[in-house]
Amino acid sequence: MDYKSLAALAQLCERLHKVRAFSFNASNGPGSKTNWRGHARGEVEVTTAGAHILFAEQAEFTDAEGNKVALENRYRWTRCVDFVRLEHLRREQPVLLFNLVPITEHGFRHQSPHLCGEDTYTADLILHPDEIELIWQIVGPRKNEKLHYHYW
């Protein structure tokens, strides 16, 4: 692993510790049979447990029709030797989503897609000067969705 990749990993982990808020937009593309469209903005409580950075997200999601729903998610970020692992903590049990590997000084991409049933999840992460941008794509027989997260 080269110096730029190691520096990118260190910078990502340092920035994850500083996150306090997030927003996301959910949209669906051609062929999607879901109504997963809307936006949310909320808070992130960040804690550290050993090599893990834990995110507890709380927000209010507003769908395309204006309906509001409380939203809570817990994620675990872990610095590994040559990637950062992102897991979803469901009932405190980790579900591996992605190993994000540096592809540029400020950009990361999933090492391999996450498969959930017939759906395939992919992700890209970009470090901007004032935020972290995480873009998920979910494709399957009934899905063609994009989740566009911003953390700051």
N, C-alpha and C. Protein backbone atom coordinates (compact mmCIF):
# COMPACT_ATOMS: atom_id res chain seq x y z
N MET A 1 0.85 -1.18 0.00
CA MET A 1 0.00 0.00 0.00
C MET A 1 0.90 1.24 0.00
N ASP A 2 0.56 2.22 -0.83
CA ASP A 2 1.40 3.41 -0.94
C ASP A 2 1.06 4.45 0.12
N TYR A 3 1.92 5.44 0.23
CA TYR A 3 1.77 6.48 1.23
C TYR A 3 0.46 7.24 1.09
N LYS A 4 0.06 7.56 -0.15
CA LYS A 4 -1.18 8.33 -0.36
C LYS A 4 -2.40 7.56 0.13
N SER A 5 -2.41 6.26 -0.09
CA SER A 5 -3.53 5.44 0.39
C SER A 5 -3.57 5.39 1.91
N LEU A 6 -2.41 5.23 2.52
CA LEU A 6 -2.35 5.22 3.99
C LEU A 6 -2.79 6.57 4.56
N ALA A 7 -2.37 7.66 3.92
CA ALA A 7 -2.77 8.99 4.37
C ALA A 7 -4.28 9.18 4.22
N ALA A 8 -4.85 8.68 3.12
CA ALA A 8 -6.30 8.79 2.91
C ALA A 8 -7.06 8.04 4.00
N LEU A 9 -6.61 6.83 4.34
CA LEU A 9 -7.25 6.05 5.39
C LEU A 9 -7.18 6.77 6.73
N ALA A 10 -6.02 7.32 7.05
CA ALA A 10 -5.86 8.04 8.32
C ALA A 10 -6.75 9.27 8.35
N GLN A 11 -6.81 9.99 7.23
CA GLN A 11 -7.65 11.18 7.17
C GLN A 11 -9.13 10.83 7.34
N LEU A 12 -9.59 9.76 6.69
CA LEU A 12 -10.98 9.35 6.82
C LEU A 12 -11.31 9.04 8.28
N CYS A 13 -10.47 8.26 8.94
CA CYS A 13 -10.75 7.91 10.33
C CYS A 13 -10.76 9.13 11.24
N GLU A 14 -9.83 10.04 11.01
CA GLU A 14 -9.79 11.27 11.80
C GLU A 14 -11.08 12.08 11.60
N ARG A 15 -11.54 12.15 10.37
CA ARG A 15 -12.75 12.92 10.06
C ARG A 15 -14.01 12.25 10.61
N LEU A 16 -14.05 10.91 10.59
CA LEU A 16 -15.22 10.20 11.13
C LEU A 16 -15.44 10.53 12.60
N HIS A 17 -14.36 10.66 13.35
CA HIS A 17 -14.46 11.00 14.78
C HIS A 17 -15.14 12.35 15.01
N LYS A 18 -15.05 13.24 14.04
CA LYS A 18 -15.55 14.61 14.20
C LYS A 18 -16.99 14.80 13.73
N VAL A 19 -17.58 13.79 13.13
CA VAL A 19 -18.95 13.91 12.59
C VAL A 19 -19.94 14.14 13.73
N ARG A 20 -20.89 15.04 13.50
CA ARG A 20 -21.93 15.31 14.49
C ARG A 20 -23.33 15.37 13.87
N ALA A 21 -23.40 15.49 12.54
CA ALA A 21 -24.71 15.62 11.87
C ALA A 21 -24.64 14.96 10.50
N PHE A 22 -25.82 14.71 9.94
CA PHE A 22 -25.88 14.11 8.61
C PHE A 22 -27.18 14.50 7.92
N SER A 23 -27.18 14.33 6.61
CA SER A 23 -28.40 14.44 5.83
C SER A 23 -28.31 13.39 4.73
N PHE A 24 -29.45 13.00 4.21
CA PHE A 24 -29.41 12.13 3.04
C PHE A 24 -30.65 12.33 2.20
N ASN A 25 -30.47 12.04 0.92
CA ASN A 25 -31.57 12.04 -0.05
C ASN A 25 -31.66 10.63 -0.61
N ALA A 26 -32.87 10.13 -0.71
CA ALA A 26 -33.13 8.82 -1.30
C ALA A 26 -33.90 9.05 -2.59
N SER A 27 -33.45 8.43 -3.66
CA SER A 27 -34.15 8.56 -4.94
C SER A 27 -34.17 7.19 -5.61
N ASN A 28 -35.12 7.03 -6.51
CA ASN A 28 -35.16 5.77 -7.26
C ASN A 28 -35.10 6.07 -8.75
N GLY A 29 -34.54 5.11 -9.48
CA GLY A 29 -34.34 5.28 -10.91
C GLY A 29 -35.25 4.38 -11.72
N PRO A 30 -35.02 4.32 -13.03
CA PRO A 30 -35.85 3.52 -13.92
C PRO A 30 -35.92 2.06 -13.46
N GLY A 31 -37.11 1.50 -13.51
CA GLY A 31 -37.31 0.11 -13.16
C GLY A 31 -37.56 -0.15 -11.69
N SER A 32 -37.39 0.86 -10.85
CA SER A 32 -37.62 0.67 -9.42
C SER A 32 -39.11 0.51 -9.15
N LYS A 33 -39.44 -0.45 -8.30
CA LYS A 33 -40.83 -0.68 -7.93
C LYS A 33 -41.07 -0.31 -6.47
N THR A 34 -40.18 0.48 -5.92
CA THR A 34 -40.34 0.94 -4.54
C THR A 34 -40.66 2.43 -4.56
N ASN A 35 -41.06 2.92 -3.43
CA ASN A 35 -41.33 4.35 -3.30
C ASN A 35 -40.34 4.97 -2.32
N TRP A 36 -39.10 4.53 -2.40
CA TRP A 36 -38.07 4.97 -1.48
C TRP A 36 -37.48 6.28 -2.01
N ARG A 37 -38.25 7.36 -1.80
CA ARG A 37 -37.83 8.69 -2.21
C ARG A 37 -38.10 9.65 -1.07
N GLY A 38 -37.15 10.51 -0.79
CA GLY A 38 -37.34 11.49 0.26
C GLY A 38 -36.02 11.98 0.79
N HIS A 39 -36.08 12.62 1.96
CA HIS A 39 -34.87 13.20 2.54
C HIS A 39 -34.95 13.18 4.06
N ALA A 40 -33.80 13.30 4.66
CA ALA A 40 -33.71 13.35 6.13
C ALA A 40 -32.52 14.20 6.52
N ARG A 41 -32.60 14.73 7.71
CA ARG A 41 -31.49 15.48 8.30
C ARG A 41 -31.52 15.20 9.79
N GLY A 42 -30.36 14.90 10.36
CA GLY A 42 -30.37 14.56 11.78
C GLY A 42 -29.01 14.66 12.43
N GLU A 43 -28.92 14.04 13.59
CA GLU A 43 -27.73 14.10 14.42
C GLU A 43 -27.04 12.74 14.45
N VAL A 44 -25.75 12.79 14.69
CA VAL A 44 -24.94 11.58 14.84
C VAL A 44 -24.22 11.66 16.18
N GLU A 45 -24.42 10.64 17.00
CA GLU A 45 -23.63 10.52 18.23
C GLU A 45 -22.49 9.57 17.92
N VAL A 46 -21.27 10.04 18.09
CA VAL A 46 -20.08 9.25 17.76
C VAL A 46 -19.41 8.79 19.05
N THR A 47 -19.16 7.49 19.14
CA THR A 47 -18.40 6.94 20.26
C THR A 47 -17.30 6.04 19.70
N THR A 48 -16.32 5.76 20.54
CA THR A 48 -15.21 4.92 20.13
C THR A 48 -15.16 3.70 21.04
N ALA A 49 -14.93 2.55 20.42
CA ALA A 49 -14.77 1.29 21.17
C ALA A 49 -13.58 0.56 20.54
N GLY A 50 -12.41 0.72 21.13
CA GLY A 50 -11.21 0.12 20.56
C GLY A 50 -10.93 0.71 19.20
N ALA A 51 -10.80 -0.14 18.19
CA ALA A 51 -10.53 0.31 16.82
C ALA A 51 -11.79 0.74 16.09
N HIS A 52 -12.93 0.66 16.75
CA HIS A 52 -14.21 0.95 16.11
C HIS A 52 -14.67 2.38 16.39
N ILE A 53 -15.28 2.98 15.38
CA ILE A 53 -15.95 4.27 15.51
C ILE A 53 -17.43 3.98 15.30
N LEU A 54 -18.24 4.23 16.32
CA LEU A 54 -19.66 3.90 16.28
C LEU A 54 -20.48 5.15 16.00
N PHE A 55 -21.40 5.04 15.04
CA PHE A 55 -22.33 6.11 14.70
C PHE A 55 -23.72 5.70 15.15
N ALA A 56 -24.37 6.53 15.94
CA ALA A 56 -25.79 6.36 16.27
C ALA A 56 -26.51 7.54 15.62
N GLU A 57 -27.22 7.25 14.54
CA GLU A 57 -27.89 8.29 13.76
C GLU A 57 -29.36 8.38 14.13
N GLN A 58 -29.85 9.60 14.29
CA GLN A 58 -31.27 9.85 14.52
C GLN A 58 -31.70 10.99 13.62
N ALA A 59 -32.84 10.81 12.96
CA ALA A 59 -33.33 11.84 12.05
C ALA A 59 -34.83 11.66 11.85
N GLU A 60 -35.39 12.60 11.14
CA GLU A 60 -36.78 12.48 10.69
C GLU A 60 -36.74 12.41 9.18
N PHE A 61 -37.25 11.30 8.64
CA PHE A 61 -37.29 11.09 7.19
C PHE A 61 -38.61 11.62 6.66
N THR A 62 -38.56 12.40 5.60
CA THR A 62 -39.76 12.91 4.94
C THR A 62 -39.81 12.30 3.56
N ASP A 63 -40.86 11.52 3.28
CA ASP A 63 -40.95 10.88 1.97
C ASP A 63 -41.50 11.86 0.93
N ALA A 64 -41.58 11.40 -0.31
CA ALA A 64 -41.98 12.26 -1.42
C ALA A 64 -43.38 12.82 -1.27
N GLU A 65 -44.23 12.15 -0.48
CA GLU A 65 -45.60 12.63 -0.26
C GLU A 65 -45.71 13.53 0.96
N GLY A 66 -44.59 13.75 1.65
CA GLY A 66 -44.60 14.62 2.83
C GLY A 66 -44.81 13.91 4.14
N ASN A 67 -44.95 12.59 4.12
CA ASN A 67 -45.10 11.82 5.36
C ASN A 67 -43.77 11.80 6.11
N LYS A 68 -43.84 11.92 7.43
CA LYS A 68 -42.63 11.95 8.25
C LYS A 68 -42.54 10.70 9.11
N VAL A 69 -41.33 10.15 9.19
CA VAL A 69 -41.08 8.93 9.95
C VAL A 69 -39.77 9.10 10.72
N ALA A 70 -39.78 8.70 12.00
CA ALA A 70 -38.54 8.72 12.78
C ALA A 70 -37.59 7.67 12.22
N LEU A 71 -36.33 8.01 12.15
CA LEU A 71 -35.32 7.13 11.57
C LEU A 71 -34.16 6.99 12.54
N GLU A 72 -33.74 5.76 12.80
CA GLU A 72 -32.57 5.49 13.63
C GLU A 72 -31.74 4.41 12.98
N ASN A 73 -30.44 4.64 12.92
CA ASN A 73 -29.50 3.64 12.41
C ASN A 73 -28.24 3.67 13.25
N ARG A 74 -27.61 2.51 13.36
CA ARG A 74 -26.32 2.41 14.05
C ARG A 74 -25.34 1.74 13.09
N TYR A 75 -24.20 2.40 12.94
CA TYR A 75 -23.15 1.90 12.05
C TYR A 75 -21.84 1.79 12.82
N ARG A 76 -21.00 0.87 12.36
CA ARG A 76 -19.67 0.72 12.94
C ARG A 76 -18.64 0.83 11.82
N TRP A 77 -17.72 1.76 11.99
CA TRP A 77 -16.60 1.97 11.08
C TRP A 77 -15.36 1.41 11.76
N THR A 78 -14.56 0.63 11.03
CA THR A 78 -13.36 0.04 11.60
C THR A 78 -12.18 0.23 10.65
N ARG A 79 -11.11 0.80 11.17
CA ARG A 79 -9.88 0.95 10.37
C ARG A 79 -9.19 -0.40 10.33
N CYS A 80 -8.98 -0.91 9.15
CA CYS A 80 -8.22 -2.14 8.94
C CYS A 80 -6.91 -1.75 8.24
N VAL A 81 -6.08 -2.70 7.90
CA VAL A 81 -4.77 -2.37 7.35
C VAL A 81 -4.87 -1.54 6.08
N ASP A 82 -5.68 -1.98 5.11
CA ASP A 82 -5.72 -1.26 3.83
C ASP A 82 -7.13 -0.86 3.40
N PHE A 83 -8.06 -0.80 4.33
CA PHE A 83 -9.41 -0.34 4.05
C PHE A 83 -10.09 0.07 5.34
N VAL A 84 -11.25 0.71 5.20
CA VAL A 84 -12.12 1.01 6.33
C VAL A 84 -13.38 0.19 6.13
N ARG A 85 -13.73 -0.58 7.14
CA ARG A 85 -14.92 -1.44 7.08
C ARG A 85 -16.13 -0.68 7.61
N LEU A 86 -17.25 -0.80 6.90
CA LEU A 86 -18.52 -0.22 7.34
C LEU A 86 -19.51 -1.35 7.57
N GLU A 87 -20.05 -1.38 8.80
CA GLU A 87 -21.04 -2.39 9.17
C GLU A 87 -22.28 -1.71 9.72
N HIS A 88 -23.42 -2.31 9.45
CA HIS A 88 -24.69 -1.87 10.02
C HIS A 88 -24.93 -2.72 11.26
N LEU A 89 -25.22 -2.06 12.38
CA LEU A 89 -25.48 -2.81 13.61
C LEU A 89 -26.98 -2.99 13.77
N ARG A 90 -27.44 -4.16 13.41
CA ARG A 90 -28.86 -4.50 13.55
C ARG A 90 -29.02 -5.30 14.82
N ARG A 91 -29.82 -4.77 15.74
CA ARG A 91 -29.99 -5.42 17.04
C ARG A 91 -28.63 -5.77 17.62
N GLU A 92 -27.69 -4.83 17.43
CA GLU A 92 -26.31 -4.92 17.91
C GLU A 92 -25.48 -6.00 17.22
N GLN A 93 -26.04 -6.69 16.24
CA GLN A 93 -25.28 -7.68 15.48
C GLN A 93 -24.74 -7.02 14.21
N PRO A 94 -23.43 -7.05 13.99
CA PRO A 94 -22.88 -6.38 12.81
C PRO A 94 -23.21 -7.12 11.52
N VAL A 95 -23.63 -6.35 10.52
CA VAL A 95 -23.83 -6.85 9.16
C VAL A 95 -22.83 -6.11 8.28
N LEU A 96 -21.89 -6.84 7.71
CA LEU A 96 -20.88 -6.21 6.86
C LEU A 96 -21.55 -5.59 5.63
N LEU A 97 -21.32 -4.31 5.45
CA LEU A 97 -21.82 -3.63 4.25
C LEU A 97 -20.71 -3.53 3.21
N PHE A 98 -19.61 -2.85 3.60
CA PHE A 98 -18.54 -2.61 2.64
C PHE A 98 -17.19 -2.52 3.33
N ASN A 99 -16.18 -2.95 2.61
CA ASN A 99 -14.80 -2.57 2.90
C ASN A 99 -14.49 -1.48 1.89
N LEU A 100 -14.26 -0.27 2.38
CA LEU A 100 -14.01 0.87 1.51
C LEU A 100 -12.50 1.07 1.35
N VAL A 101 -12.03 0.94 0.11
CA VAL A 101 -10.60 1.06 -0.17
C VAL A 101 -10.31 2.39 -0.85
N PRO A 102 -9.17 3.00 -0.52
CA PRO A 102 -8.85 4.27 -1.17
C PRO A 102 -8.53 4.06 -2.65
N ILE A 103 -9.11 4.92 -3.49
CA ILE A 103 -8.81 4.87 -4.92
C ILE A 103 -8.15 6.17 -5.38
N THR A 104 -8.29 7.23 -4.57
CA THR A 104 -7.59 8.49 -4.78
C THR A 104 -7.24 9.03 -3.39
N GLU A 105 -6.64 10.20 -3.34
CA GLU A 105 -6.31 10.80 -2.04
C GLU A 105 -7.55 11.14 -1.23
N HIS A 106 -8.68 11.34 -1.91
CA HIS A 106 -9.91 11.75 -1.23
C HIS A 106 -11.10 10.86 -1.56
N GLY A 107 -10.88 9.78 -2.31
CA GLY A 107 -11.99 8.94 -2.74
C GLY A 107 -11.81 7.48 -2.37
N PHE A 108 -12.92 6.84 -2.02
CA PHE A 108 -12.93 5.44 -1.63
C PHE A 108 -14.04 4.72 -2.40
N ARG A 109 -13.85 3.42 -2.61
CA ARG A 109 -14.87 2.62 -3.30
C ARG A 109 -14.97 1.27 -2.60
N HIS A 110 -16.17 0.68 -2.69
CA HIS A 110 -16.37 -0.65 -2.11
C HIS A 110 -15.38 -1.64 -2.71
N GLN A 111 -14.85 -2.51 -1.87
CA GLN A 111 -13.93 -3.54 -2.34
C GLN A 111 -14.69 -4.60 -3.12
N SER A 112 -15.88 -4.93 -2.65
CA SER A 112 -16.77 -5.84 -3.35
C SER A 112 -18.20 -5.46 -2.96
N PRO A 113 -19.17 -5.72 -3.82
CA PRO A 113 -20.55 -5.36 -3.51
C PRO A 113 -21.08 -6.14 -2.31
N HIS A 114 -22.05 -5.55 -1.64
CA HIS A 114 -22.78 -6.23 -0.56
C HIS A 114 -24.02 -6.85 -1.19
N LEU A 115 -24.21 -8.13 -0.96
CA LEU A 115 -25.38 -8.83 -1.50
C LEU A 115 -26.37 -9.07 -0.37
N CYS A 116 -27.62 -8.70 -0.62
CA CYS A 116 -28.70 -8.90 0.35
C CYS A 116 -29.89 -9.45 -0.43
N GLY A 117 -30.10 -10.75 -0.32
CA GLY A 117 -31.14 -11.38 -1.13
C GLY A 117 -30.77 -11.22 -2.60
N GLU A 118 -31.71 -10.68 -3.38
CA GLU A 118 -31.47 -10.45 -4.80
C GLU A 118 -30.91 -9.06 -5.09
N ASP A 119 -30.65 -8.29 -4.05
CA ASP A 119 -30.20 -6.91 -4.22
C ASP A 119 -28.69 -6.80 -4.06
N THR A 120 -28.11 -5.91 -4.84
CA THR A 120 -26.68 -5.63 -4.80
C THR A 120 -26.46 -4.19 -4.37
N TYR A 121 -25.66 -4.01 -3.33
CA TYR A 121 -25.35 -2.69 -2.79
C TYR A 121 -23.90 -2.34 -3.16
N THR A 122 -23.68 -1.12 -3.62
CA THR A 122 -22.34 -0.62 -3.87
C THR A 122 -22.22 0.75 -3.21
N ALA A 123 -20.98 1.22 -3.03
CA ALA A 123 -20.81 2.52 -2.37
C ALA A 123 -19.52 3.19 -2.80
N ASP A 124 -19.58 4.51 -2.83
CA ASP A 124 -18.42 5.37 -3.01
C ASP A 124 -18.42 6.40 -1.90
N LEU A 125 -17.24 6.77 -1.43
CA LEU A 125 -17.11 7.77 -0.38
C LEU A 125 -16.10 8.81 -0.84
N ILE A 126 -16.45 10.08 -0.63
CA ILE A 126 -15.58 11.19 -1.03
C ILE A 126 -15.35 12.08 0.18
N LEU A 127 -14.09 12.39 0.45
CA LEU A 127 -13.74 13.34 1.50
C LEU A 127 -13.67 14.74 0.89
N HIS A 128 -14.57 15.60 1.30
CA HIS A 128 -14.54 17.00 0.90
C HIS A 128 -13.95 17.81 2.05
N PRO A 129 -13.53 19.05 1.82
CA PRO A 129 -12.95 19.85 2.90
C PRO A 129 -13.86 20.00 4.12
N ASP A 130 -15.18 20.08 3.89
CA ASP A 130 -16.10 20.34 5.01
C ASP A 130 -17.13 19.25 5.24
N GLU A 131 -17.02 18.12 4.55
CA GLU A 131 -17.99 17.04 4.74
C GLU A 131 -17.44 15.73 4.19
N ILE A 132 -18.12 14.65 4.59
CA ILE A 132 -17.88 13.33 4.03
C ILE A 132 -19.13 12.97 3.24
N GLU A 133 -18.95 12.58 1.99
CA GLU A 133 -20.08 12.22 1.13
C GLU A 133 -20.04 10.71 0.89
N LEU A 134 -21.15 10.04 1.17
CA LEU A 134 -21.25 8.59 0.98
C LEU A 134 -22.44 8.33 0.06
N ILE A 135 -22.17 7.69 -1.08
CA ILE A 135 -23.21 7.44 -2.08
C ILE A 135 -23.39 5.94 -2.21
N TRP A 136 -24.61 5.48 -1.90
CA TRP A 136 -24.96 4.07 -2.01
C TRP A 136 -25.81 3.89 -3.27
N GLN A 137 -25.65 2.77 -3.93
CA GLN A 137 -26.52 2.38 -5.04
C GLN A 137 -27.05 0.99 -4.71
N ILE A 138 -28.35 0.81 -4.85
CA ILE A 138 -28.99 -0.48 -4.56
C ILE A 138 -29.74 -0.91 -5.82
N VAL A 139 -29.36 -2.06 -6.36
CA VAL A 139 -29.96 -2.54 -7.61
C VAL A 139 -30.42 -3.98 -7.40
N GLY A 140 -31.63 -4.27 -7.86
CA GLY A 140 -32.18 -5.61 -7.77
C GLY A 140 -33.40 -5.71 -8.66
N PRO A 141 -34.09 -6.85 -8.62
CA PRO A 141 -35.27 -7.04 -9.48
C PRO A 141 -36.34 -5.97 -9.28
N ARG A 142 -36.47 -5.47 -8.05
CA ARG A 142 -37.48 -4.45 -7.76
C ARG A 142 -36.88 -3.10 -7.39
N LYS A 143 -35.57 -3.03 -7.34
CA LYS A 143 -34.93 -1.82 -6.82
C LYS A 143 -33.94 -1.21 -7.81
N ASN A 144 -33.91 0.10 -7.78
CA ASN A 144 -32.87 0.89 -8.44
C ASN A 144 -32.81 2.21 -7.68
N GLU A 145 -32.17 2.16 -6.52
CA GLU A 145 -32.18 3.31 -5.62
C GLU A 145 -30.78 3.87 -5.39
N LYS A 146 -30.77 5.15 -5.08
CA LYS A 146 -29.53 5.82 -4.70
C LYS A 146 -29.77 6.52 -3.37
N LEU A 147 -28.87 6.30 -2.43
CA LEU A 147 -28.88 6.99 -1.14
C LEU A 147 -27.65 7.88 -1.11
N HIS A 148 -27.88 9.16 -0.94
CA HIS A 148 -26.80 10.14 -1.02
C HIS A 148 -26.66 10.80 0.35
N TYR A 149 -25.66 10.36 1.12
CA TYR A 149 -25.42 10.85 2.48
C TYR A 149 -24.38 11.95 2.50
N HIS A 150 -24.57 12.88 3.42
CA HIS A 150 -23.57 13.92 3.71
C HIS A 150 -23.38 13.94 5.22
N TYR A 151 -22.14 13.80 5.65
CA TYR A 151 -21.81 13.86 7.08
C TYR A 151 -20.91 15.06 7.32
N TRP A 152 -21.17 15.77 8.41
CA TRP A 152 -20.30 16.89 8.78
C TRP A 152 -20.26 17.04 10.28
